Amino acid sequence: MNMEKTPEDKPEEVEEEKKEETAEEKEVEETPKEEAKEEEEKPKEEITTTIFALRTTANREDQVMDFLSSNAVKKKLEVYSVIRPHGMRGYIFLEAGSRSDAEQAALGIPYARGILPEPVNYKEIEHMLEQVKKDVNIRKNDVVEIISGPFKREKAKIIRIDKTKEEVVVELFEAAVPIPITLKMDAVKVIRRESEEEEEKA
């Protein structure tokens, strides 16, 4: 009885094992295909962009930015960001998919004077963007070092702060006559605070 059952049982077991193996093989085969599909799709998602400089009328940069942003949305252009670096007048920068997109975004905008012929390297404007990110902690009577402009490396004292305009009024230490000079906040770096001076005297 046992001998007769064994040959009948075995084919069923073998078939079931084969079915399980083929199912596992299918899963193994499908997984690399899915991974390959994902790898093929990844490069398509990467967006290549270029930074272009747009000349503007001085002190009209904010208005140009507003017009340009709404223009890019209306025309569905590949314009990804619009940048106005602190301390720079007459220029804004836009990150776009192509020169054509940048020119179309700037077309017909008041106070826009045209895209410069050569694209801008990110490294050229990186230092301007980094300064915007920093929290400015400046107080009256702080001793500062001027880090840009004609008075670069000069030491001065803060006598007034205008946070709305992001400007400070300073007096140079080495000037024969103390003349107030107005500078952008990101043009100075605090090197000593009044409280620190008092501690040193004590």
C-alpha atoms as a PDB file:
ATOM      1  CA  MET A   1       0.000   0.000   0.000  1.00  0.00           C
ATOM      2  CA  ASN A   2       2.751   2.394   0.928  1.00  0.00           C
ATOM      3  CA  MET A   3       4.707   1.640  -2.246  1.00  0.00           C
ATOM      4  CA  GLU A   4       1.684   2.434  -4.424  1.00  0.00           C
ATOM      5  CA  LYS A   5       0.900   5.730  -2.670  1.00  0.00           C
ATOM      6  CA  THR A   6       4.439   7.050  -2.773  1.00  0.00           C
ATOM      7  CA  PRO A   7       4.722   7.351  -6.581  1.00  0.00           C
ATOM      8  CA  GLU A   8       1.273   9.029  -6.673  1.00  0.00           C
ATOM      9  CA  ASP A   9       2.085  11.452  -3.858  1.00  0.00           C
ATOM     10  CA  LYS A  10       5.533  12.386  -5.105  1.00  0.00           C
ATOM     11  CA  PRO A  11       4.501  14.005  -8.416  1.00  0.00           C
ATOM     12  CA  GLU A  12       2.052  16.273  -6.560  1.00  0.00           C
ATOM     13  CA  GLU A  13       4.743  17.307  -4.056  1.00  0.00           C
ATOM     14  CA  VAL A  14       7.243  17.844  -6.837  1.00  0.00           C
ATOM     15  CA  GLU A  15       4.720  19.930  -8.781  1.00  0.00           C
ATOM     16  CA  GLU A  16       3.943  22.042  -5.714  1.00  0.00           C
ATOM     17  CA  GLU A  17       7.657  22.577  -5.059  1.00  0.00           C
ATOM     18  CA  LYS A  18       8.146  23.536  -8.705  1.00  0.00           C
ATOM     19  CA  LYS A  19       5.274  26.021  -8.485  1.00  0.00           C
ATOM     20  CA  GLU A  20       6.805  27.595  -5.360  1.00  0.00           C
ATOM     21  CA  GLU A  21      10.230  27.780  -7.022  1.00  0.00           C
ATOM     22  CA  THR A  22       8.826  29.379 -10.189  1.00  0.00           C
ATOM     23  CA  ALA A  23       6.896  31.934  -8.087  1.00  0.00           C
ATOM     24  CA  GLU A  24      10.096  32.775  -6.183  1.00  0.00           C
ATOM     25  CA  GLU A  25      12.049  33.012  -9.451  1.00  0.00           C
ATOM     26  CA  LYS A  26       9.420  35.399 -10.858  1.00  0.00           C
ATOM     27  CA  GLU A  27       9.744  37.619  -7.795  1.00  0.00           C
ATOM     28  CA  VAL A  28      13.544  37.580  -8.139  1.00  0.00           C
ATOM     29  CA  GLU A  29      13.263  38.383 -11.861  1.00  0.00           C
ATOM     30  CA  GLU A  30      10.733  41.184 -11.312  1.00  0.00           C
ATOM     31  CA  THR A  31      12.745  42.934  -8.582  1.00  0.00           C
ATOM     32  CA  PRO A  32      15.798  43.780 -10.753  1.00  0.00           C
ATOM     33  CA  LYS A  33      13.479  44.978 -13.526  1.00  0.00           C
ATOM     34  CA  GLU A  34      11.712  47.333 -11.102  1.00  0.00           C
ATOM     35  CA  GLU A  35      15.062  48.614  -9.802  1.00  0.00           C
ATOM     36  CA  ALA A  36      16.271  49.090 -13.369  1.00  0.00           C
ATOM     37  CA  LYS A  37      13.124  51.077 -14.160  1.00  0.00           C
ATOM     38  CA  GLU A  38      13.713  53.323 -11.138  1.00  0.00           C
ATOM     39  CA  GLU A  39      17.330  53.883 -12.215  1.00  0.00           C
ATOM     40  CA  GLU A  40      16.176  54.788 -15.720  1.00  0.00           C
ATOM     41  CA  GLU A  41      13.636  57.251 -14.368  1.00  0.00           C
ATOM     42  CA  LYS A  42      16.067  59.031 -11.985  1.00  0.00           C
ATOM     43  CA  PRO A  43      18.090  60.875 -14.657  1.00  0.00           C
ATOM     44  CA  LYS A  44      14.849  62.230 -16.139  1.00  0.00           C
ATOM     45  CA  GLU A  45      13.974  63.865 -12.796  1.00  0.00           C
ATOM     46  CA  GLU A  46      17.283  65.767 -12.627  1.00  0.00           C
ATOM     47  CA  ILE A  47      16.815  69.365 -13.784  1.00  0.00           C
ATOM     48  CA  THR A  48      19.697  71.265 -15.328  1.00  0.00           C
ATOM     49  CA  THR A  49      19.487  74.977 -14.621  1.00  0.00           C
ATOM     50  CA  THR A  50      21.519  78.057 -15.449  1.00  0.00           C
ATOM     51  CA  ILE A  51      21.772  81.382 -13.617  1.00  0.00           C
ATOM     52  CA  PHE A  52      21.279  84.512 -15.709  1.00  0.00           C
ATOM     53  CA  ALA A  53      21.846  88.145 -14.718  1.00  0.00           C
ATOM     54  CA  LEU A  54      19.109  90.644 -15.559  1.00  0.00           C
ATOM     55  CA  ARG A  55      19.982  94.342 -15.643  1.00  0.00           C
ATOM     56  CA  THR A  56      17.390  96.603 -14.024  1.00  0.00           C
ATOM     57  CA  THR A  57      16.869 100.273 -13.253  1.00  0.00           C
ATOM     58  CA  ALA A  58      18.579 101.030  -9.914  1.00  0.00           C
ATOM     59  CA  ASN A  59      16.250 100.822  -6.887  1.00  0.00           C
ATOM     60  CA  ARG A  60      13.553  99.078  -8.969  1.00  0.00           C
ATOM     61  CA  GLU A  61      14.846  95.546  -8.340  1.00  0.00           C
ATOM     62  CA  ASP A  62      11.904  94.502  -6.120  1.00  0.00           C
ATOM     63  CA  GLN A  63       9.314  95.603  -8.698  1.00  0.00           C
ATOM     64  CA  VAL A  64      11.141  93.735 -11.464  1.00  0.00           C
ATOM     65  CA  MET A  65      11.225  90.606  -9.278  1.00  0.00           C
ATOM     66  CA  ASP A  66       7.450  90.775  -8.728  1.00  0.00           C
ATOM     67  CA  PHE A  67       6.700  91.266 -12.431  1.00  0.00           C
ATOM     68  CA  LEU A  68       9.134  88.557 -13.449  1.00  0.00           C
ATOM     69  CA  SER A  69       7.735  85.990 -10.991  1.00  0.00           C
ATOM     70  CA  SER A  70       4.136  86.531 -12.117  1.00  0.00           C
ATOM     71  CA  ASN A  71       5.242  86.496 -15.776  1.00  0.00           C
ATOM     72  CA  ALA A  72       6.962  83.112 -15.321  1.00  0.00           C
ATOM     73  CA  VAL A  73       3.849  81.607 -13.694  1.00  0.00           C
ATOM     74  CA  LYS A  74       1.450  82.978 -16.357  1.00  0.00           C
ATOM     75  CA  LYS A  75       3.581  81.750 -19.261  1.00  0.00           C
ATOM     76  CA  LYS A  76       4.445  78.456 -17.450  1.00  0.00           C
ATOM     77  CA  LEU A  77       8.163  79.031 -17.964  1.00  0.00           C
ATOM     78  CA  GLU A  78      10.991  77.032 -16.423  1.00  0.00           C
ATOM     79  CA  VAL A  79      12.091  79.741 -13.993  1.00  0.00           C
ATOM     80  CA  TYR A  80      12.936  78.176 -10.619  1.00  0.00           C
ATOM     81  CA  SER A  81      14.144  81.095  -8.495  1.00  0.00           C
ATOM     82  CA  VAL A  82      14.676  84.847  -8.592  1.00  0.00           C
ATOM     83  CA  ILE A  83      17.490  86.282  -6.457  1.00  0.00           C
ATOM     84  CA  ARG A  84      18.237  89.823  -5.384  1.00  0.00           C
ATOM     85  CA  PRO A  85      21.612  89.882  -3.572  1.00  0.00           C
ATOM     86  CA  HIS A  86      22.021  92.380  -0.727  1.00  0.00           C
ATOM     87  CA  GLY A  87      24.127  95.406  -1.479  1.00  0.00           C
ATOM     88  CA  MET A  88      23.925  95.011  -5.269  1.00  0.00           C
ATOM     89  CA  ARG A  89      21.949  97.564  -7.270  1.00  0.00           C
ATOM     90  CA  GLY A  90      20.836  97.391 -10.871  1.00  0.00           C
ATOM     91  CA  TYR A  91      20.915  93.579 -11.138  1.00  0.00           C
ATOM     92  CA  ILE A  92      18.851  90.569 -10.165  1.00  0.00           C
ATOM     93  CA  PHE A  93      19.589  86.926 -10.917  1.00  0.00           C
ATOM     94  CA  LEU A  94      17.223  84.249 -12.128  1.00  0.00           C
ATOM     95  CA  GLU A  95      17.694  80.501 -12.235  1.00  0.00           C
ATOM     96  CA  ALA A  96      16.070  79.100 -15.370  1.00  0.00           C
ATOM     97  CA  GLY A  97      16.042  75.973 -17.512  1.00  0.00           C
ATOM     98  CA  SER A  98      17.273  77.865 -20.588  1.00  0.00           C
ATOM     99  CA  ARG A  99      18.158  81.332 -21.885  1.00  0.00           C
ATOM    100  CA  SER A 100      14.873  81.374 -23.804  1.00  0.00           C
ATOM    101  CA  ASP A 101      12.870  80.900 -20.579  1.00  0.00           C
ATOM    102  CA  ALA A 102      14.836  83.676 -18.854  1.00  0.00           C
ATOM    103  CA  GLU A 103      14.321  86.091 -21.770  1.00  0.00           C
ATOM    104  CA  GLN A 104      10.611  85.288 -22.044  1.00  0.00           C
ATOM    105  CA  ALA A 105      10.165  85.895 -18.294  1.00  0.00           C
ATOM    106  CA  ALA A 106      11.843  89.321 -18.588  1.00  0.00           C
ATOM    107  CA  LEU A 107      10.069  90.297 -21.824  1.00  0.00           C
ATOM    108  CA  GLY A 108       7.950  93.449 -21.581  1.00  0.00           C
ATOM    109  CA  ILE A 109       8.667  94.051 -17.880  1.00  0.00           C
ATOM    110  CA  PRO A 110       8.999  97.709 -16.800  1.00  0.00           C
ATOM    111  CA  TYR A 111      12.482  98.661 -15.536  1.00  0.00           C
ATOM    112  CA  ALA A 112      14.055  95.441 -16.943  1.00  0.00           C
ATOM    113  CA  ARG A 113      16.963  96.224 -19.262  1.00  0.00           C
ATOM    114  CA  GLY A 114      17.784  92.795 -20.634  1.00  0.00           C
ATOM    115  CA  ILE A 115      19.576  89.548 -19.825  1.00  0.00           C
ATOM    116  CA  LEU A 116      23.387  89.678 -19.939  1.00  0.00           C
ATOM    117  CA  PRO A 117      24.967  87.610 -22.746  1.00  0.00           C
ATOM    118  CA  GLU A 118      26.970  85.273 -20.499  1.00  0.00           C
ATOM    119  CA  PRO A 119      25.394  83.069 -17.793  1.00  0.00           C
ATOM    120  CA  VAL A 120      26.599  83.561 -14.211  1.00  0.00           C
ATOM    121  CA  ASN A 121      28.586  80.956 -12.279  1.00  0.00           C
ATOM    122  CA  TYR A 122      26.976  80.177  -8.891  1.00  0.00           C
ATOM    123  CA  LYS A 123      30.348  80.683  -7.147  1.00  0.00           C
ATOM    124  CA  GLU A 124      30.379  84.326  -8.296  1.00  0.00           C
ATOM    125  CA  ILE A 125      27.232  85.149  -6.294  1.00  0.00           C
ATOM    126  CA  GLU A 126      27.495  82.534  -3.526  1.00  0.00           C
ATOM    127  CA  HIS A 127      29.134  84.935  -1.051  1.00  0.00           C
ATOM    128  CA  MET A 128      26.253  87.381  -1.490  1.00  0.00           C
ATOM    129  CA  LEU A 129      23.673  84.691  -0.766  1.00  0.00           C
ATOM    130  CA  GLU A 130      25.520  83.393   2.297  1.00  0.00           C
ATOM    131  CA  GLN A 131      25.421  86.845   3.904  1.00  0.00           C
ATOM    132  CA  VAL A 132      21.626  86.989   3.528  1.00  0.00           C
ATOM    133  CA  LYS A 133      21.222  83.724   5.459  1.00  0.00           C
ATOM    134  CA  LYS A 134      23.166  84.947   8.491  1.00  0.00           C
ATOM    135  CA  ASP A 135      21.315  86.486  11.425  1.00  0.00           C
ATOM    136  CA  VAL A 136      22.490  90.070  11.841  1.00  0.00           C
ATOM    137  CA  ASN A 137      23.080  90.819  15.507  1.00  0.00           C
ATOM    138  CA  ILE A 138      24.239  94.449  15.633  1.00  0.00           C
ATOM    139  CA  ARG A 139      23.672  96.880  18.505  1.00  0.00           C
ATOM    140  CA  LYS A 140      24.342 100.558  19.036  1.00  0.00           C
ATOM    141  CA  ASN A 141      27.941 101.310  20.190  1.00  0.00           C
ATOM    142  CA  ASP A 142      29.257  97.993  18.795  1.00  0.00           C
ATOM    143  CA  VAL A 143      32.767  98.139  17.374  1.00  0.00           C
ATOM    144  CA  VAL A 144      32.709  96.767  13.832  1.00  0.00           C
ATOM    145  CA  GLU A 145      35.022  96.082  10.944  1.00  0.00           C
ATOM    146  CA  ILE A 146      33.862  97.170   7.482  1.00  0.00           C
ATOM    147  CA  ILE A 147      34.097  94.149   5.146  1.00  0.00           C
ATOM    148  CA  SER A 148      33.159  95.692   1.791  1.00  0.00           C
ATOM    149  CA  GLY A 149      33.214  98.995  -0.093  1.00  0.00           C
ATOM    150  CA  PRO A 150      35.783 101.830  -0.115  1.00  0.00           C
ATOM    151  CA  PHE A 151      36.267 101.688   3.680  1.00  0.00           C
ATOM    152  CA  LYS A 152      37.001  97.948   3.710  1.00  0.00           C
ATOM    153  CA  ARG A 153      39.090  96.787   6.746  1.00  0.00           C
ATOM    154  CA  GLU A 154      38.466 100.066   8.595  1.00  0.00           C
ATOM    155  CA  LYS A 155      37.212  99.872  12.199  1.00  0.00           C
ATOM    156  CA  ALA A 156      34.189 101.910  13.231  1.00  0.00           C
ATOM    157  CA  LYS A 157      31.553 102.381  15.926  1.00  0.00           C
ATOM    158  CA  ILE A 158      27.816 101.894  15.351  1.00  0.00           C
ATOM    159  CA  ILE A 159      25.926 105.092  16.201  1.00  0.00           C
ATOM    160  CA  ARG A 160      22.537 104.301  14.630  1.00  0.00           C
ATOM    161  CA  ILE A 161      20.672 101.276  13.216  1.00  0.00           C
ATOM    162  CA  ASP A 162      17.811 101.307  10.688  1.00  0.00           C
ATOM    163  CA  LYS A 163      16.419  97.774  10.568  1.00  0.00           C
ATOM    164  CA  THR A 164      13.692  98.581   8.019  1.00  0.00           C
ATOM    165  CA  LYS A 165      16.289  99.714   5.454  1.00  0.00           C
ATOM    166  CA  GLU A 166      18.846  97.189   6.785  1.00  0.00           C
ATOM    167  CA  GLU A 167      21.382 100.002   7.186  1.00  0.00           C
ATOM    168  CA  VAL A 168      23.734 101.167   9.925  1.00  0.00           C
ATOM    169  CA  VAL A 169      25.345 104.559  10.519  1.00  0.00           C
ATOM    170  CA  VAL A 170      28.961 104.332  11.697  1.00  0.00           C
ATOM    171  CA  GLU A 171      31.816 106.646  12.683  1.00  0.00           C
ATOM    172  CA  LEU A 172      35.326 105.651  11.609  1.00  0.00           C
ATOM    173  CA  PHE A 173      37.882 105.447  14.433  1.00  0.00           C
ATOM    174  CA  GLU A 174      40.854 106.645  12.399  1.00  0.00           C
ATOM    175  CA  ALA A 175      39.110 109.587  10.717  1.00  0.00           C
ATOM    176  CA  ALA A 176      40.419 113.030  11.708  1.00  0.00           C
ATOM    177  CA  VAL A 177      36.835 114.325  11.906  1.00  0.00           C
ATOM    178  CA  PRO A 178      34.086 111.883  12.974  1.00  0.00           C
ATOM    179  CA  ILE A 179      31.813 111.844   9.913  1.00  0.00           C
ATOM    180  CA  PRO A 180      28.745 109.546   9.992  1.00  0.00           C
ATOM    181  CA  ILE A 181      28.767 106.990   7.164  1.00  0.00           C
ATOM    182  CA  THR A 182      25.700 104.956   6.166  1.00  0.00           C
ATOM    183  CA  LEU A 183      26.364 101.339   5.199  1.00  0.00           C
ATOM    184  CA  LYS A 184      24.365  98.172   4.563  1.00  0.00           C
ATOM    185  CA  MET A 185      24.195  95.844   7.580  1.00  0.00           C
ATOM    186  CA  ASP A 186      25.924  93.062   5.649  1.00  0.00           C
ATOM    187  CA  ALA A 187      28.879  95.412   4.948  1.00  0.00           C
ATOM    188  CA  VAL A 188      30.007  95.320   8.590  1.00  0.00           C
ATOM    189  CA  LYS A 189      31.119  92.628  11.026  1.00  0.00           C
ATOM    190  CA  VAL A 190      30.902  93.017  14.807  1.00  0.00           C
ATOM    191  CA  ILE A 191      34.330  92.565  16.423  1.00  0.00           C
ATOM    192  CA  ARG A 192      33.652  93.952  19.918  1.00  0.00           C
ATOM    193  CA  ARG A 193      30.616  94.708  22.038  1.00  0.00           C
ATOM    194  CA  GLU A 194      30.272  97.557  24.570  1.00  0.00           C
ATOM    195  CA  SER A 195      29.689  95.111  27.468  1.00  0.00           C
ATOM    196  CA  GLU A 196      32.978  93.337  26.629  1.00  0.00           C
ATOM    197  CA  GLU A 197      34.854  96.649  26.831  1.00  0.00           C
ATOM    198  CA  GLU A 198      33.359  97.364  30.265  1.00  0.00           C
ATOM    199  CA  GLU A 199      34.441  93.915  31.519  1.00  0.00           C
ATOM    200  CA  GLU A 200      37.999  94.539  30.327  1.00  0.00           C
ATOM    201  CA  LYS A 201      38.130  97.928  32.132  1.00  0.00           C
ATOM    202  CA  ALA A 202      36.824  96.348  35.363  1.00  0.00           C
END
